[in-house]
Amino acid sequence: MFHPPRKYRHRDVQGHPLRPETLMMGYGYDPQFSEGAVKCPIFQTSTFTFKTAEDGKSFFQLAYGLREQGPAEEPGLIYSRVNNPDLEILEERLGLWDEAESGLAFSSGMAAISTTMFSVLRPGDVLLASAPVYGGTEFLIENILPQFGIKRVWFGAGSLEPGLADAVETARGLGRVGLIYVETPANPTNGLVDIAACAAAARSLRNADGRRPLVAVDNTFLGPLWQRPLRHGADFVIYSLTKYVGGHSDLIAGACLGTESAIAPVRGLRTILGTIADPHTCWLLLRSLETLKLRMTGSMENARRVAEFLAGHPKVKAVHYLGFLGPADPQLGLYQRQCQAPGSTFSFEVDGGEAEAFRLLNRLEVIKLAVSLGGTESLIEHPATMTHSDIPPGRQLEMGITPSMVRLSVGLEHPEDLIADLRQALAGI
């Protein structure tokens, strides 16, 4: 059954291709379907009426994979756990930055990660994962997945051991590798992982029936402006939309994007688990996407100036900022191949330990002491006792997370004000 398209999908002007920052202003939405409203309304409804019983049957058949979607057919609206106009428009716009065929929005970053992992992994499988990762992801991998018979093998981001090749050999001996999961840059150390090398490793693990592990990349720290994992061979790119995409510290959401064949089973599991993003959150994200490039560019420029100040301060012993990678650093070549900019979240280490780090944090007046990152305001936290506190201290040290390390997400304040705040705070440690 044919239904007229609801979407407005012009991507060029007389052959001139429109760029993502332009498409964010209207792609996927036709004002004439909403009384001419320039902005998409919030479709705050749980359910949608069908014009006919035949429509209801047709919509459910498509939603539950009982038939193929027609070439000019739009999925019918059923129920907001399945689909919603705000959700559909958001997912189309998210895919533009990463050049993804398909995408899904979730109720949180962890909902995106866990739903994706459970859609791919099966009991007896091996998960090959980079370290360090966000503390919630670490807890899922270390404590939840083993309850379902899923084994894990870690490899190090940056210069940490074991390397990818050694981890692949270890994993090969434990069973079928179902997924290679990467967080790059790593939270909180900014260690890089070679996405193309992970894709090559996945191909080397192809089994007799032609199946290979899929590659998922958490791109929250740099994306989608400063890194495009799908271009380097990843199957999934995952975001905590709470961070840079949302950008205002006023929502919780996540996303997973990739090819339609990879995304289809994730979409099916999301429908059943109910990990979908709600309409109001989707509407807020549509608002935020319009200023994403401006915000991420402004934060990145501020971060460079703040990092330069910290690098020259006598009470700072290390600054883990991607913009400081030099010719002698083995990660420089990878950074130049894989990243477009250093982003605006990085960690640094003060002289001393936890007590000195806490004194710094407690003296700050402009920069806010809070977890999360990517907002318009600058945020700072202590990974060892906050975002990564569930990781045993010995393992923290192995991953480069020290008691003296703090993580800073630079926002849109004037950089000289941020520097003045850090200067006075450092003077007291």
Protein backbone atom coordinates (compact mmCIF):
# COMPACT_ATOMS: atom_id res chain seq x y z
CA MET A 1 0.00 0.00 0.00
CA PHE A 2 1.47 3.37 -1.04
CA HIS A 3 1.42 6.30 1.34
CA PRO A 4 2.57 9.78 0.26
CA PRO A 5 5.91 10.77 1.77
CA ARG A 6 5.80 12.96 4.87
CA LYS A 7 9.42 13.97 4.57
CA TYR A 8 11.21 16.91 2.96
CA ARG A 9 14.52 15.56 1.71
CA HIS A 10 16.08 18.09 -0.68
CA ARG A 11 19.88 17.60 -0.43
CA ASP A 12 21.00 19.87 -3.25
CA VAL A 13 20.18 23.15 -4.99
CA GLN A 14 20.36 22.67 -8.76
CA GLY A 15 23.15 20.14 -8.37
CA HIS A 16 24.98 21.98 -5.59
CA PRO A 17 25.19 19.53 -2.65
CA LEU A 18 24.02 20.96 0.65
CA ARG A 19 26.30 20.47 3.66
CA PRO A 20 25.18 18.97 7.00
CA GLU A 21 25.07 22.30 8.86
CA THR A 22 22.58 23.57 6.23
CA LEU A 23 20.53 20.37 6.19
CA MET A 24 20.17 20.54 9.99
CA MET A 25 17.74 23.44 9.50
CA GLY A 26 15.03 21.51 7.70
CA TYR A 27 15.96 18.08 6.37
CA GLY A 28 13.30 15.44 6.91
CA TYR A 29 10.52 17.89 7.78
CA ASP A 30 7.91 19.53 5.54
CA PRO A 31 6.25 22.51 7.29
CA GLN A 32 3.10 22.00 5.20
CA PHE A 33 2.31 18.83 7.11
CA SER A 34 2.26 20.81 10.39
CA GLU A 35 0.19 23.91 9.61
CA GLY A 36 3.22 25.64 8.12
CA ALA A 37 5.19 25.64 11.38
CA VAL A 38 8.85 26.44 10.63
CA LYS A 39 10.00 24.13 13.42
CA CYS A 40 8.77 20.59 13.87
CA PRO A 41 6.19 20.42 16.70
CA ILE A 42 6.55 18.06 19.64
CA PHE A 43 4.38 15.05 18.88
CA GLN A 44 3.59 14.37 22.53
CA THR A 45 1.43 11.31 21.99
CA SER A 46 1.66 7.66 22.90
CA THR A 47 -0.32 6.30 19.96
CA PHE A 48 -1.43 7.18 16.42
CA THR A 49 -4.75 6.53 14.67
CA PHE A 50 -4.99 4.48 11.48
CA LYS A 51 -7.17 5.65 8.59
CA THR A 52 -8.21 2.06 7.92
CA ALA A 53 -7.79 -1.37 9.45
CA GLU A 54 -5.79 -2.29 6.34
CA ASP A 55 -3.36 0.51 7.18
CA GLY A 56 -2.93 -0.83 10.71
CA LYS A 57 -2.19 -4.30 9.39
CA SER A 58 0.28 -2.95 6.85
CA PHE A 59 2.10 -0.76 9.36
CA PHE A 60 2.53 -3.61 11.85
CA GLN A 61 3.75 -6.00 9.17
CA LEU A 62 6.53 -3.59 8.29
CA ALA A 63 7.37 -2.71 11.91
CA TYR A 64 7.78 -6.36 12.89
CA GLY A 65 9.65 -7.40 9.75
CA LEU A 66 6.82 -9.50 8.35
CA ARG A 67 7.25 -7.99 4.87
CA GLU A 68 9.72 -5.89 2.90
CA GLN A 69 9.41 -2.11 2.75
CA GLY A 70 8.34 -0.79 -0.63
CA PRO A 71 10.75 1.46 -2.58
CA ALA A 72 8.61 4.60 -2.10
CA GLU A 73 6.99 3.58 1.18
CA GLU A 74 7.27 5.44 4.49
CA PRO A 75 6.89 3.41 7.72
CA GLY A 76 3.47 4.13 9.17
CA LEU A 77 3.14 5.70 12.61
CA ILE A 78 1.92 3.23 15.23
CA TYR A 79 3.05 3.87 18.81
CA SER A 80 5.81 6.03 20.27
CA ARG A 81 7.78 3.03 21.52
CA VAL A 82 8.11 2.10 17.84
CA ASN A 83 8.24 5.42 16.00
CA ASN A 84 7.31 9.08 16.25
CA PRO A 85 7.72 12.01 13.83
CA ASP A 86 10.23 13.81 16.07
CA LEU A 87 12.26 10.59 16.35
CA GLU A 88 12.22 9.92 12.61
CA ILE A 89 13.36 13.43 11.70
CA LEU A 90 16.09 13.34 14.34
CA GLU A 91 17.42 9.99 13.12
CA GLU A 92 17.60 11.20 9.53
CA ARG A 93 19.53 14.33 10.52
CA LEU A 94 21.91 12.43 12.78
CA GLY A 95 22.86 10.21 9.86
CA LEU A 96 23.87 13.16 7.69
CA TRP A 97 27.01 14.04 9.67
CA ASP A 98 28.31 10.47 9.67
CA GLU A 99 27.10 9.65 6.15
CA ALA A 100 25.21 6.72 7.68
CA GLU A 101 22.50 4.78 5.86
CA SER A 102 20.44 4.44 9.00
CA GLY A 103 20.36 5.52 12.62
CA LEU A 104 18.55 5.03 15.91
CA ALA A 105 18.03 7.36 18.87
CA PHE A 106 17.93 5.93 22.40
CA SER A 107 16.94 7.03 25.88
CA SER A 108 20.63 7.30 26.92
CA GLY A 109 24.13 6.57 25.70
CA MET A 110 24.20 3.41 27.81
CA ALA A 111 20.88 2.34 26.28
CA ALA A 112 22.46 2.68 22.84
CA ILE A 113 25.56 0.72 23.88
CA SER A 114 23.75 -2.08 25.72
CA THR A 115 21.00 -2.52 23.10
CA THR A 116 23.61 -2.69 20.34
CA MET A 117 25.75 -5.21 22.23
CA PHE A 118 22.80 -7.45 23.10
CA SER A 119 21.58 -7.38 19.49
CA VAL A 120 24.94 -8.72 18.26
CA LEU A 121 26.40 -10.90 21.03
CA ARG A 122 25.24 -14.38 21.98
CA PRO A 123 26.16 -16.73 24.86
CA GLY A 124 29.63 -18.13 24.28
CA ASP A 125 30.74 -15.15 22.18
CA VAL A 126 33.84 -13.09 22.89
CA LEU A 127 33.77 -9.30 23.05
CA LEU A 128 37.05 -7.65 22.08
CA ALA A 129 37.16 -4.16 23.64
CA SER A 130 39.59 -1.26 23.94
CA ALA A 131 40.53 0.18 27.33
CA PRO A 132 39.95 2.51 28.99
CA VAL A 133 36.31 3.19 28.26
CA TYR A 134 33.61 5.13 30.06
CA GLY A 135 32.97 3.66 33.53
CA GLY A 136 29.40 2.60 32.74
CA THR A 137 30.57 0.74 29.65
CA GLU A 138 33.33 -0.92 31.67
CA PHE A 139 30.76 -2.08 34.24
CA LEU A 140 28.52 -3.51 31.51
CA ILE A 141 31.41 -5.43 29.96
CA GLU A 142 32.98 -6.63 33.21
CA ASN A 143 29.89 -7.35 35.31
CA ILE A 144 26.75 -7.71 33.18
CA LEU A 145 27.79 -9.44 29.95
CA PRO A 146 29.51 -12.37 31.76
CA GLN A 147 26.14 -13.19 33.36
CA PHE A 148 24.97 -14.03 29.82
CA GLY A 149 27.97 -16.21 29.04
CA ILE A 150 29.80 -13.53 27.07
CA LYS A 151 33.58 -13.46 27.52
CA ARG A 152 35.71 -10.35 27.08
CA VAL A 153 39.27 -9.60 26.05
CA TRP A 154 40.68 -6.10 26.52
CA PHE A 155 43.32 -4.33 24.45
CA GLY A 156 44.92 -0.99 25.18
CA ALA A 157 44.15 2.39 23.66
CA GLY A 158 47.19 4.48 22.79
CA SER A 159 50.40 2.80 23.92
CA LEU A 160 48.75 0.60 26.55
CA GLU A 161 49.24 -3.17 26.45
CA PRO A 162 48.15 -5.62 25.27
CA GLY A 163 48.06 -4.42 21.68
CA LEU A 164 45.27 -5.25 19.27
CA ALA A 165 47.15 -8.09 17.54
CA ASP A 166 47.88 -9.91 20.80
CA ALA A 167 44.31 -9.44 22.01
CA VAL A 168 42.96 -10.85 18.73
CA GLU A 169 45.03 -14.01 19.19
CA THR A 170 43.83 -14.39 22.78
CA ALA A 171 40.21 -13.89 21.73
CA ARG A 172 40.54 -16.34 18.85
CA GLY A 173 41.35 -19.08 21.33
CA LEU A 174 38.28 -18.39 23.50
CA GLY A 175 35.49 -18.69 20.95
CA ARG A 176 33.70 -16.74 18.24
CA VAL A 177 34.44 -13.02 18.42
CA GLY A 178 31.04 -11.38 18.03
CA LEU A 179 31.95 -7.71 18.37
CA ILE A 180 34.97 -5.42 18.47
CA TYR A 181 34.06 -2.44 20.64
CA VAL A 182 36.21 0.70 20.56
CA GLU A 183 36.13 4.00 22.38
CA THR A 184 38.43 6.49 20.66
CA PRO A 185 39.65 8.85 21.94
CA ALA A 186 39.53 6.92 25.19
CA ASN A 187 37.77 8.36 28.22
CA PRO A 188 39.55 9.95 30.10
CA THR A 189 43.11 9.51 28.74
CA ASN A 190 42.53 10.54 25.08
CA GLY A 191 44.43 7.46 23.92
CA LEU A 192 43.61 6.67 20.28
CA VAL A 193 42.56 3.36 18.72
CA ASP A 194 43.12 2.64 15.02
CA ILE A 195 39.60 2.05 13.63
CA ALA A 196 40.86 0.79 10.27
CA ALA A 197 43.09 -1.74 12.05
CA CYS A 198 40.08 -2.95 14.04
CA ALA A 199 38.11 -3.35 10.82
CA ALA A 200 41.00 -5.36 9.35
CA ALA A 201 41.10 -7.50 12.49
CA ALA A 202 37.38 -8.15 12.12
CA ARG A 203 37.92 -9.34 8.54
CA SER A 204 40.70 -11.65 9.71
CA LEU A 205 38.25 -13.25 12.14
CA ARG A 206 35.73 -14.17 9.43
CA ASN A 207 34.54 -17.73 9.97
CA ALA A 208 33.71 -20.54 7.56
CA ASP A 209 30.18 -19.33 6.89
CA GLY A 210 31.44 -15.84 6.00
CA ARG A 211 30.42 -14.13 9.23
CA ARG A 212 32.81 -11.72 10.91
CA PRO A 213 32.69 -9.61 14.06
CA LEU A 214 31.08 -6.22 13.71
CA VAL A 215 33.02 -3.12 14.77
CA ALA A 216 31.37 -0.52 17.01
CA VAL A 217 33.01 2.82 17.84
CA ASP A 218 31.95 5.15 20.64
CA ASN A 219 32.61 8.51 18.98
CA THR A 220 31.28 10.72 21.78
CA PHE A 221 34.53 12.62 22.47
CA LEU A 222 35.15 13.86 18.90
CA GLY A 223 32.09 13.26 16.82
CA PRO A 224 30.44 13.79 14.63
CA LEU A 225 32.45 16.79 13.47
CA TRP A 226 36.00 15.73 14.27
CA GLN A 227 35.94 11.98 13.52
CA ARG A 228 33.92 9.78 11.13
CA PRO A 229 34.35 6.12 12.13
CA LEU A 230 32.20 4.71 9.32
CA ARG A 231 34.70 6.05 6.80
CA HIS A 232 37.41 3.92 8.42
CA GLY A 233 35.50 0.65 8.35
CA ALA A 234 33.33 0.70 11.47
CA ASP A 235 29.90 -0.92 11.24
CA PHE A 236 28.38 1.12 14.08
CA VAL A 237 29.09 4.59 15.40
CA ILE A 238 27.67 5.20 18.87
CA TYR A 239 27.09 8.46 20.74
CA SER A 240 26.01 9.69 24.06
CA LEU A 241 23.84 12.45 22.58
CA THR A 242 23.75 13.88 26.09
CA LYS A 243 27.18 15.31 25.40
CA TYR A 244 28.14 17.44 22.37
CA VAL A 245 25.08 16.78 20.22
CA GLY A 246 22.64 17.75 22.97
CA GLY A 247 25.18 20.28 24.16
CA HIS A 248 23.17 22.12 26.82
CA SER A 249 23.27 19.69 29.78
CA ASP A 250 19.48 19.44 29.72
CA LEU A 251 18.75 16.00 28.24
CA ILE A 252 19.83 12.35 28.29
CA ALA A 253 19.96 10.41 25.02
CA GLY A 254 22.10 8.16 22.84
CA ALA A 255 22.43 7.04 19.23
CA CYS A 256 23.70 4.19 17.07
CA LEU A 257 24.24 4.70 13.34
CA GLY A 258 25.50 2.51 10.51
CA THR A 259 24.43 0.49 7.51
CA GLU A 260 20.79 -0.54 7.33
CA SER A 261 21.74 -4.23 7.44
CA ALA A 262 23.70 -3.72 10.67
CA ILE A 263 21.12 -1.42 12.25
CA ALA A 264 18.01 -3.53 11.50
CA PRO A 265 18.43 -6.05 14.38
CA VAL A 266 19.31 -3.23 16.79
CA ARG A 267 16.09 -1.46 15.82
CA GLY A 268 14.08 -4.62 16.45
CA LEU A 269 15.56 -5.12 19.91
CA ARG A 270 15.07 -1.44 20.77
CA THR A 271 11.36 -1.78 19.97
CA ILE A 272 10.97 -4.70 22.37
CA LEU A 273 13.20 -3.34 25.15
CA GLY A 274 11.68 0.12 24.92
CA THR A 275 15.04 1.91 24.98
CA ILE A 276 13.84 4.51 22.48
CA ALA A 277 14.21 8.28 22.94
CA ASP A 278 11.02 10.15 23.88
CA PRO A 279 9.47 12.84 21.62
CA HIS A 280 10.40 15.83 23.77
CA THR A 281 14.04 14.72 23.98
CA CYS A 282 14.10 14.25 20.20
CA TRP A 283 12.71 17.76 19.75
CA LEU A 284 15.41 19.19 22.02
CA LEU A 285 18.07 17.36 20.01
CA LEU A 286 16.68 18.76 16.76
CA ARG A 287 17.13 22.22 18.29
CA SER A 288 20.69 21.40 19.32
CA LEU A 289 21.76 20.00 15.95
CA GLU A 290 21.24 23.43 14.39
CA THR A 291 24.12 24.90 16.42
CA LEU A 292 26.33 21.82 16.72
CA LYS A 293 29.08 23.01 14.38
CA LEU A 294 29.23 26.46 16.01
CA ARG A 295 29.36 25.01 19.52
CA MET A 296 31.91 22.30 18.84
CA THR A 297 34.14 24.71 16.91
CA GLY A 298 33.98 27.35 19.65
CA SER A 299 34.72 24.82 22.39
CA MET A 300 37.60 23.33 20.41
CA GLU A 301 39.21 26.77 19.93
CA ASN A 302 38.81 27.57 23.64
CA ALA A 303 40.26 24.20 24.65
CA ARG A 304 43.46 24.81 22.74
CA ARG A 305 44.12 28.03 24.64
CA VAL A 306 43.32 26.43 28.01
CA ALA A 307 45.51 23.40 27.25
CA GLU A 308 48.42 25.66 26.30
CA PHE A 309 48.11 27.47 29.62
CA LEU A 310 48.05 24.22 31.58
CA ALA A 311 51.02 22.79 29.68
CA GLY A 312 53.14 25.70 30.84
CA HIS A 313 52.07 25.68 34.49
CA PRO A 314 54.63 24.43 37.03
CA LYS A 315 52.00 22.55 39.08
CA VAL A 316 50.75 20.54 36.07
CA LYS A 317 52.88 17.50 35.24
CA ALA A 318 51.01 16.21 32.17
CA VAL A 319 48.32 17.38 29.74
CA HIS A 320 46.65 14.65 27.68
CA TYR A 321 45.50 16.84 24.80
CA LEU A 322 45.44 15.53 21.24
CA GLY A 323 46.61 18.86 19.89
CA PHE A 324 49.99 18.33 21.58
CA LEU A 325 50.92 15.14 19.71
CA GLY A 326 54.40 15.74 18.30
CA PRO A 327 56.53 14.13 15.57
CA ALA A 328 58.05 11.67 18.05
CA ASP A 329 54.66 10.45 19.27
CA PRO A 330 53.60 7.17 17.63
CA GLN A 331 49.96 8.31 17.80
CA LEU A 332 50.51 11.38 15.59
CA GLY A 333 50.14 9.51 12.29
CA LEU A 334 46.95 7.86 13.47
CA TYR A 335 45.55 11.18 14.66
CA GLN A 336 46.26 12.78 11.29
CA ARG A 337 44.60 9.91 9.39
CA GLN A 338 41.57 9.50 11.60
CA CYS A 339 40.72 12.85 13.24
CA GLN A 340 39.93 16.32 11.93
CA ALA A 341 40.55 18.24 15.20
CA PRO A 342 41.56 17.58 18.82
CA GLY A 343 38.15 18.30 20.33
CA SER A 344 37.60 20.08 23.63
CA THR A 345 37.68 17.39 26.32
CA PHE A 346 41.01 16.31 27.78
CA SER A 347 42.59 15.32 31.07
CA PHE A 348 45.58 16.69 32.91
CA GLU A 349 47.54 15.64 35.97
CA VAL A 350 48.57 17.92 38.81
CA ASP A 351 51.65 17.50 40.99
CA GLY A 352 50.75 15.26 43.89
CA GLY A 353 47.81 12.88 44.16
CA GLU A 354 44.13 12.77 45.05
CA ALA A 355 44.41 15.42 47.80
CA GLU A 356 45.99 17.94 45.43
CA ALA A 357 43.48 17.16 42.68
CA PHE A 358 40.62 17.66 45.14
CA ARG A 359 42.06 20.98 46.31
CA LEU A 360 42.12 22.16 42.70
CA LEU A 361 38.52 21.05 42.11
CA ASN A 362 37.24 22.62 45.32
CA ARG A 363 38.79 26.03 44.58
CA LEU A 364 37.29 26.52 41.11
CA GLU A 365 34.72 29.31 40.80
CA VAL A 366 33.80 29.44 37.09
CA ILE A 367 34.36 25.87 35.95
CA LYS A 368 31.68 23.60 37.38
CA LEU A 369 32.53 20.44 39.32
CA ALA A 370 30.28 17.89 37.63
CA VAL A 371 30.47 14.78 35.48
CA SER A 372 29.44 14.74 31.81
CA LEU A 373 31.01 16.77 29.02
CA GLY A 374 30.25 18.58 25.80
CA GLY A 375 27.96 21.25 27.25
CA THR A 376 28.06 24.99 26.71
CA GLU A 377 29.53 25.33 30.21
CA SER A 378 32.95 24.02 31.24
CA LEU A 379 32.83 20.93 33.46
CA ILE A 380 35.59 19.24 35.45
CA GLU A 381 35.69 15.97 37.40
CA HIS A 382 37.98 13.39 39.02
CA PRO A 383 37.79 10.17 36.96
CA ALA A 384 39.37 7.83 39.56
CA THR A 385 36.69 8.56 42.17
CA MET A 386 33.79 9.61 39.94
CA THR A 387 33.14 8.42 36.36
CA HIS A 388 35.54 5.46 36.62
CA SER A 389 35.18 4.72 40.35
CA ASP A 390 33.83 1.19 39.75
CA ILE A 391 37.19 0.17 38.25
CA PRO A 392 39.64 -1.26 40.83
CA PRO A 393 42.55 1.11 41.63
CA GLY A 394 45.17 -1.25 40.24
CA ARG A 395 43.36 -1.54 36.91
CA GLN A 396 42.88 2.24 36.84
CA LEU A 397 46.63 2.70 37.02
CA GLU A 398 47.18 0.13 34.27
CA MET A 399 44.90 2.21 32.05
CA GLY A 400 46.66 5.48 32.89
CA ILE A 401 44.00 6.82 35.26
CA THR A 402 45.98 8.27 38.15
CA PRO A 403 44.83 9.83 41.44
CA SER A 404 46.19 13.18 40.27
CA MET A 405 44.22 13.20 37.00
CA VAL A 406 41.26 15.49 36.38
CA ARG A 407 39.14 15.60 33.22
CA LEU A 408 38.13 18.96 31.78
CA SER A 409 35.42 19.62 29.20
CA VAL A 410 35.94 23.15 27.90
CA GLY A 411 32.79 25.09 27.08
CA LEU A 412 31.94 28.41 25.49
CA GLU A 413 32.99 30.84 28.21
CA HIS A 414 35.72 33.35 27.38
CA PRO A 415 38.97 31.37 27.46
CA GLU A 416 40.80 34.02 29.50
CA ASP A 417 38.16 33.67 32.23
CA LEU A 418 38.68 29.91 32.31
CA ILE A 419 42.44 30.38 32.48
CA ALA A 420 42.08 32.87 35.34
CA ASP A 421 39.92 30.39 37.24
CA LEU A 422 42.42 27.56 36.74
CA ARG A 423 45.33 29.84 37.67
CA GLN A 424 43.83 30.80 41.02
CA ALA A 425 42.80 27.20 41.74
CA LEU A 426 46.25 25.82 40.94
CA ALA A 427 47.83 28.42 43.21
CA GLY A 428 46.14 26.77 46.18
CA ILE A 429 47.31 23.17 45.77
